[in-house]
Protein backbone atom coordinates (compact mmCIF):
# COMPACT_ATOMS: atom_id res chain seq x y z
CA UNK A 1 76.89 -242.88 68.76
CA UNK A 2 75.14 -240.28 67.06
CA UNK A 3 77.22 -236.69 65.70
CA UNK A 4 75.49 -233.75 66.65
CA UNK A 5 76.52 -230.24 65.03
CA UNK A 6 74.99 -227.40 67.31
CA UNK A 7 74.09 -224.61 65.44
CA UNK A 8 74.26 -221.18 68.00
CA UNK A 9 72.07 -218.74 67.06
CA UNK A 10 72.60 -215.35 68.11
CA UNK A 11 69.07 -214.05 69.19
CA UNK A 12 68.17 -211.27 72.26
CA UNK A 13 65.70 -210.55 73.96
CA UNK A 14 66.33 -214.32 76.22
CA UNK A 15 65.80 -212.40 79.73
CA UNK A 16 67.35 -216.06 81.33
CA UNK A 17 64.73 -217.77 78.92
CA UNK A 18 67.78 -219.23 77.12
CA UNK A 19 69.25 -221.51 79.86
CA UNK A 20 65.88 -223.34 80.29
CA UNK A 21 66.95 -226.07 77.69
CA UNK A 22 64.19 -227.98 77.81
CA UNK A 23 63.64 -226.95 74.13
CA UNK A 24 66.47 -228.62 73.14
CA UNK A 25 65.75 -231.82 74.89
CA UNK A 26 62.50 -231.87 73.17
CA UNK A 27 64.28 -231.69 70.10
CA UNK A 28 67.10 -234.28 70.83
CA UNK A 29 63.78 -236.63 71.32
CA UNK A 30 62.12 -236.07 68.58
CA UNK A 31 65.01 -235.92 66.33
CA UNK A 32 65.98 -239.52 67.66
CA UNK A 33 62.42 -240.76 67.17
CA UNK A 34 62.74 -239.85 63.31
CA UNK A 35 66.32 -240.45 62.27
CA UNK A 36 67.46 -238.36 59.03
CA UNK A 37 64.97 -235.53 59.15
CA UNK A 38 65.18 -232.31 60.47
CA UNK A 39 63.04 -231.64 63.53
CA UNK A 40 61.22 -227.66 64.65
CA UNK A 41 60.10 -227.44 67.84
CA UNK A 42 58.65 -224.07 68.47
CA UNK A 43 56.48 -223.77 71.98
CA UNK A 44 53.80 -222.63 72.48
CA UNK A 45 52.99 -219.00 74.95
CA UNK A 46 51.19 -221.17 77.16
CA UNK A 47 53.59 -223.97 77.33
CA UNK A 48 56.39 -221.35 78.03
CA UNK A 49 53.88 -219.74 80.57
CA UNK A 50 53.55 -223.27 82.22
CA UNK A 51 57.02 -225.05 81.98
CA UNK A 52 58.92 -221.88 82.34
CA UNK A 53 61.91 -221.84 84.54
CA UNK A 54 60.96 -219.09 87.17
CA UNK A 55 62.04 -216.10 88.82
CA UNK A 56 63.12 -217.63 92.53
CA UNK A 57 60.70 -217.14 94.97
CA UNK A 58 62.38 -214.85 97.71
CA UNK A 59 61.87 -213.74 101.40
CA UNK A 60 64.22 -211.02 102.45
CA UNK A 61 64.79 -209.89 106.88
CA UNK A 62 66.77 -206.29 107.21
CA UNK A 63 67.54 -205.48 110.40
CA UNK A 64 69.37 -202.12 111.14
CA UNK A 65 71.08 -200.75 114.55
CA UNK A 66 71.14 -197.01 114.52
CA UNK A 67 73.43 -195.12 116.91
CA UNK A 68 73.39 -192.22 118.62
CA UNK A 69 74.92 -190.10 116.11
CA UNK A 70 72.26 -191.30 113.80
CA UNK A 71 74.72 -193.64 111.55
CA UNK A 72 73.86 -197.04 110.57
CA UNK A 73 76.11 -199.54 113.26
CA UNK A 74 75.09 -202.23 111.69
CA UNK A 75 73.00 -204.36 109.05
CA UNK A 76 71.80 -208.09 109.16
CA UNK A 77 70.26 -209.31 105.74
CA UNK A 78 68.69 -212.34 105.43
CA UNK A 79 67.75 -214.16 102.43
CA UNK A 80 65.61 -217.06 102.15
CA UNK A 81 64.99 -218.11 98.54
CA UNK A 82 65.43 -221.57 96.58
CA UNK A 83 68.21 -221.88 94.49
CA UNK A 84 69.31 -221.12 90.61
CA UNK A 85 72.79 -223.06 90.87
CA UNK A 86 71.86 -226.22 92.87
CA UNK A 87 70.01 -226.80 89.10
CA UNK A 88 71.61 -225.64 87.20
CA UNK A 89 75.41 -226.24 87.73
CA UNK A 90 75.64 -228.53 91.09
CA UNK A 91 79.00 -228.18 91.25
CA UNK A 92 79.60 -224.74 91.18
CA UNK A 93 76.86 -224.74 93.88
CA UNK A 94 78.84 -227.29 96.67
CA UNK A 95 82.01 -225.48 95.34
CA UNK A 96 80.65 -222.04 97.18
CA UNK A 97 79.69 -224.24 99.92
CA UNK A 98 75.30 -223.94 99.33
CA UNK A 99 75.92 -220.04 99.03
CA UNK A 100 73.78 -219.12 95.63
CA UNK A 101 75.86 -216.43 94.25
CA UNK A 102 73.12 -215.56 91.75
CA UNK A 103 70.25 -215.00 94.25
CA UNK A 104 72.19 -213.04 96.86
CA UNK A 105 74.30 -210.83 94.82
CA UNK A 106 73.16 -206.95 95.25
CA UNK A 107 73.40 -206.81 99.15
CA UNK A 108 77.38 -206.13 99.29
CA UNK A 109 76.46 -202.70 98.21
CA UNK A 110 78.91 -199.94 98.25
CA UNK A 111 77.66 -197.90 101.21
CA UNK A 112 80.33 -198.02 103.77
CA UNK A 113 78.20 -200.32 106.49
CA UNK A 114 80.09 -201.79 109.06
CA UNK A 115 79.51 -204.44 110.85
CA UNK A 116 77.32 -205.86 107.91
CA UNK A 117 75.56 -209.78 107.90
CA UNK A 118 74.62 -211.45 104.89
CA UNK A 119 73.12 -214.93 105.34
CA UNK A 120 70.87 -217.25 103.09
CA UNK A 121 68.82 -219.99 103.38
CA UNK A 122 67.76 -222.24 100.59
CA UNK A 123 64.43 -223.51 100.25
CA UNK A 124 63.48 -226.06 97.96
CA UNK A 125 60.26 -225.56 96.89
CA UNK A 126 60.16 -227.75 94.05
CA UNK A 127 59.62 -225.36 91.41
CA UNK A 128 62.36 -225.38 89.01
CA UNK A 129 64.02 -221.90 89.20
CA UNK A 130 66.44 -220.12 86.86
CA UNK A 131 67.53 -216.82 85.88
CA UNK A 132 65.47 -213.86 85.02
CA UNK A 133 66.89 -210.03 84.08
CA UNK A 134 68.71 -208.74 86.91
CA UNK A 135 68.47 -211.95 88.88
CA UNK A 136 69.74 -210.88 92.58
CA UNK A 137 69.86 -207.00 92.71
CA UNK A 138 66.45 -207.26 90.70
CA UNK A 139 64.99 -207.87 94.39
CA UNK A 140 68.11 -207.17 96.71
CA UNK A 141 68.08 -203.75 95.85
CA UNK A 142 64.31 -203.58 96.68
CA UNK A 143 65.39 -204.43 100.42
CA UNK A 144 68.08 -202.32 100.79
CA UNK A 145 67.41 -198.95 98.83
CA UNK A 146 64.31 -199.53 100.91
CA UNK A 147 65.59 -199.85 104.32
CA UNK A 148 68.05 -197.14 103.58
CA UNK A 149 64.54 -194.70 102.68
CA UNK A 150 63.40 -196.05 106.15
CA UNK A 151 66.50 -195.10 108.11
CA UNK A 152 67.05 -191.83 106.48
CA UNK A 153 62.94 -190.80 107.54
CA UNK A 154 63.44 -192.38 110.88
CA UNK A 155 67.02 -189.91 111.57
CA UNK A 156 64.95 -186.87 109.76
CA UNK A 157 67.70 -186.72 106.65
CA UNK A 158 67.11 -186.18 103.17
CA UNK A 159 67.44 -189.54 101.36
CA UNK A 160 69.61 -188.46 98.69
CA UNK A 161 71.92 -186.86 101.41
CA UNK A 162 72.23 -189.82 103.42
CA UNK A 163 73.22 -191.62 100.14
CA UNK A 164 76.15 -189.38 99.62
CA UNK A 165 77.21 -190.12 103.38
CA UNK A 166 77.61 -193.32 102.90
CA UNK A 167 79.75 -193.53 99.51
CA UNK A 168 81.77 -190.80 100.43
CA UNK A 169 84.44 -193.01 99.48
CA UNK A 170 82.45 -193.95 95.85
CA UNK A 171 83.18 -190.94 93.99
CA UNK A 172 81.65 -192.44 91.12
CA UNK A 173 78.43 -193.56 92.73
CA UNK A 174 78.17 -190.28 93.92
CA UNK A 175 78.46 -188.57 90.25
CA UNK A 176 75.08 -190.55 89.51
CA UNK A 177 73.34 -189.74 92.54
CA UNK A 178 74.06 -185.84 91.95
CA UNK A 179 73.46 -186.06 88.61
CA UNK A 180 70.15 -187.44 88.79
CA UNK A 181 69.29 -185.26 91.64
CA UNK A 182 70.12 -182.36 88.84
CA UNK A 183 67.92 -183.98 86.46
CA UNK A 184 65.40 -184.51 88.23
CA UNK A 185 65.01 -181.40 90.47
CA UNK A 186 65.65 -183.48 93.39
CA UNK A 187 66.59 -180.87 96.00
CA UNK A 188 63.63 -178.31 94.77
CA UNK A 189 61.10 -180.74 95.11
CA UNK A 190 57.93 -179.81 96.97
CA UNK A 191 56.36 -182.36 100.39
CA UNK A 192 55.06 -185.29 99.11
CA UNK A 193 56.26 -184.99 95.59
CA UNK A 194 55.55 -188.49 94.71
CA UNK A 195 59.27 -188.64 93.70
CA UNK A 196 61.26 -191.56 94.91
CA UNK A 197 65.23 -192.10 94.65
CA UNK A 198 67.54 -195.39 94.49
CA UNK A 199 71.03 -196.48 93.66
CA UNK A 200 72.82 -199.63 91.88
CA UNK A 201 75.85 -200.83 92.39
CA UNK A 202 75.49 -204.25 89.81
CA UNK A 203 76.98 -205.56 87.10
CA UNK A 204 80.28 -203.23 87.91
CA UNK A 205 78.28 -200.26 86.61
CA UNK A 206 76.87 -197.08 88.78
CA UNK A 207 73.41 -196.28 88.17
CA UNK A 208 70.98 -194.26 89.98
CA UNK A 209 67.52 -193.40 89.22
CA UNK A 210 64.64 -191.04 89.93
CA UNK A 211 60.84 -192.09 89.78
CA UNK A 212 57.84 -189.84 89.90
CA UNK A 213 54.56 -190.87 90.24
CA UNK A 214 50.90 -190.32 90.46
CA UNK A 215 48.82 -192.48 92.68
CA UNK A 216 44.55 -192.82 92.22
CA UNK A 217 43.15 -193.69 95.62
CA UNK A 218 39.94 -194.78 94.10
CA UNK A 219 41.21 -197.15 91.84
CA UNK A 220 44.70 -197.87 94.09
CA UNK A 221 46.96 -197.31 90.60
CA UNK A 222 50.12 -196.39 90.96
CA UNK A 223 51.32 -193.98 86.93
CA UNK A 224 55.31 -193.87 87.02
CA UNK A 225 55.29 -190.23 84.83
CA UNK A 226 58.81 -189.98 84.75
CA UNK A 227 61.93 -191.61 85.44
CA UNK A 228 65.61 -189.62 85.78
CA UNK A 229 68.47 -191.76 85.09
CA UNK A 230 72.22 -191.30 85.46
CA UNK A 231 74.03 -194.33 84.48
CA UNK A 232 77.96 -195.08 84.69
CA UNK A 233 79.16 -197.93 82.80
CA UNK A 234 82.58 -196.82 83.21
CA UNK A 235 83.82 -196.78 79.09
CA UNK A 236 81.05 -196.10 76.75
CA UNK A 237 81.98 -197.87 73.76
CA UNK A 238 78.45 -197.75 72.22
CA UNK A 239 76.33 -194.87 73.90
CA UNK A 240 73.21 -195.21 71.75
CA UNK A 241 72.96 -198.96 72.62
CA UNK A 242 73.71 -198.47 76.31
CA UNK A 243 70.73 -196.10 76.41
CA UNK A 244 68.36 -198.40 74.40
CA UNK A 245 69.38 -200.98 76.88
CA UNK A 246 68.66 -199.26 80.53
CA UNK A 247 65.80 -197.38 78.91
CA UNK A 248 64.31 -200.69 78.45
CA UNK A 249 65.35 -202.54 81.39
CA UNK A 250 63.97 -199.92 83.09
CA UNK A 251 60.41 -200.32 81.06
CA UNK A 252 61.20 -204.02 81.87
CA UNK A 253 61.61 -203.42 85.20
CA UNK A 254 58.58 -201.43 85.57
CA UNK A 255 55.92 -203.94 83.88
CA UNK A 256 57.36 -206.69 86.44
CA UNK A 257 57.18 -204.35 90.00
CA UNK A 258 53.33 -203.08 89.00
CA UNK A 259 51.92 -205.92 87.29
CA UNK A 260 53.58 -209.25 87.03
CA UNK A 261 53.37 -212.46 88.88
CA UNK A 262 53.11 -216.05 88.64
CA UNK A 263 50.77 -217.54 91.11
CA UNK A 264 50.12 -221.80 91.77
CA UNK A 265 47.08 -223.36 92.73
CA UNK A 266 47.03 -227.39 93.33
CA UNK A 267 51.14 -227.53 91.87
CA UNK A 268 49.86 -225.43 89.15
CA UNK A 269 50.64 -222.38 86.79
CA UNK A 270 47.38 -220.29 86.66
CA UNK A 271 48.49 -217.69 84.06
CA UNK A 272 48.51 -219.30 80.93
CA UNK A 273 49.32 -215.77 78.70
CA UNK A 274 49.47 -212.31 78.28
CA UNK A 275 45.36 -212.08 79.06
CA UNK A 276 45.70 -213.05 82.22
CA UNK A 277 49.32 -212.19 82.93
CA UNK A 278 49.68 -208.19 82.28
CA UNK A 279 52.55 -206.65 80.69
CA UNK A 280 53.20 -202.77 80.74
CA UNK A 281 51.86 -201.57 78.00
CA UNK A 282 53.18 -198.01 76.21
CA UNK A 283 50.17 -196.04 77.43
CA UNK A 284 51.31 -196.88 80.66
CA UNK A 285 55.32 -195.89 79.82
CA UNK A 286 56.93 -192.65 81.46
CA UNK A 287 59.41 -189.94 80.27
CA UNK A 288 62.22 -191.25 80.19
CA UNK A 289 65.38 -189.05 80.16
CA UNK A 290 68.88 -190.53 80.25
CA UNK A 291 72.34 -189.36 81.01
CA UNK A 292 75.69 -191.12 80.41
CA UNK A 293 78.70 -190.68 82.63
CA UNK A 294 82.12 -191.65 81.49
CA UNK A 295 85.11 -192.77 83.42
CA UNK A 296 87.89 -193.27 82.01
CA UNK A 297 90.73 -195.61 83.10
CA UNK A 298 87.85 -197.53 84.48
CA UNK A 299 86.87 -201.25 83.28
CA UNK A 300 83.86 -201.24 81.29
CA UNK A 301 80.37 -202.23 83.68
CA UNK A 302 77.60 -204.40 82.54
CA UNK A 303 74.52 -202.08 80.63
CA UNK A 304 72.38 -205.10 79.18
CA UNK A 305 71.00 -205.64 83.45
CA UNK A 306 72.08 -203.16 85.02
CA UNK A 307 68.61 -200.51 84.26
CA UNK A 308 66.22 -203.16 86.00
CA UNK A 309 67.55 -202.94 90.29
CA UNK A 310 66.79 -199.70 91.04
CA UNK A 311 63.43 -198.85 89.32
CA UNK A 312 61.67 -200.71 92.02
CA UNK A 313 62.93 -199.25 94.87
CA UNK A 314 62.91 -195.99 93.17
CA UNK A 315 59.30 -196.15 92.63
CA UNK A 316 58.70 -197.81 96.37
CA UNK A 317 60.19 -194.95 97.81
CA UNK A 318 58.00 -192.51 95.43
CA UNK A 319 55.00 -193.96 97.13
CA UNK A 320 55.91 -193.63 100.83
CA UNK A 321 56.60 -189.86 99.48
CA UNK A 322 53.69 -189.46 98.67
CA UNK A 323 51.28 -191.11 101.05
CA UNK A 324 53.19 -189.77 104.00
CA UNK A 325 55.56 -193.22 105.02
CA UNK A 326 53.22 -196.39 103.02
CA UNK A 327 56.25 -198.47 102.59
CA UNK A 328 55.66 -201.03 99.48
CA UNK A 329 57.73 -204.14 100.37
CA UNK A 330 56.50 -207.18 98.24
CA UNK A 331 56.45 -207.05 94.40
CA UNK A 332 54.82 -206.82 92.53
CA UNK A 333 52.89 -203.43 93.79
CA UNK A 334 49.09 -204.96 93.52
CA UNK A 335 46.36 -203.12 95.63
CA UNK A 336 46.53 -205.54 98.35
CA UNK A 337 49.77 -204.53 98.71
CA UNK A 338 48.83 -200.97 98.51
CA UNK A 339 46.20 -201.43 101.13
CA UNK A 340 48.36 -203.30 103.75
CA UNK A 341 50.97 -200.29 103.31
CA UNK A 342 48.76 -197.82 103.85
CA UNK A 343 47.04 -199.75 107.04
CA UNK A 344 50.18 -199.61 108.27
CA UNK A 345 50.98 -196.33 109.03
CA UNK A 346 47.51 -195.45 109.83
CA UNK A 347 47.24 -197.76 112.85
């Protein structure tokens, strides 16, 4: 038997990649082949692109019933996706009776909605999947917050006031929404302002964001010019770090929803490096204004992932505002998705 000493290294910026384990197995096999000698394994960027653990491909179906009082009387949310836990922790997956909690988290929002149904169907795609910064809420909040804006438009309600009405029992949620509305001048905005709002209660924190966008109909490019964010983590133990983490999450989320995707052809990943996998550049970064709210007596909430979930739906809702109702429902917001959204409202 070989004695193994594990030296834990403290690193940042893994965003889920640290759960992969493949490179650790590489190192173990190589070390076993050359006993007594140190082995260092470094994957190239191409290795990482082709052999990483990808975010699960997820399809969501949301169906809402509106009663005669213009209230949400029923909400059905069906998620179809691969499972992270079935690979990473099969015993936990079995204990949860086939529900992948990291994949579906985020649909159980604080909104006061009766008759809510949530369904998860696992599809084994054969692609190994793993954790990605903000995990489930990073995409479930697009469906939740996008649908709330669609309902608000249907009943001719202001998206902010509609949310506040559904959060009467959640003063901390109302506080971040009212604060971000004041920061952004939401209540004084013009018609087709290109501003969108979204709220997230993920990771035990309350986060509200307003995004303002510009859109070039010739290039089909969305440019985010401003993001306002109000954030309540309960007890703000390190305010400067919180601000940096949330701003970083906003940029990270923007890059994902506007640019990033992995494609497969004949079973192989097509992207290999940043030349064909574009990430957000500094010249594309918006002006970001942050405000941290503290709630004495509350438990500390999560910070590192909490800034990501609202930015995608905020941008999507801003696009609907600017274009008179064109809805972006698929990440990333490519020119193809934009054209489909525009055609849907022109029929």
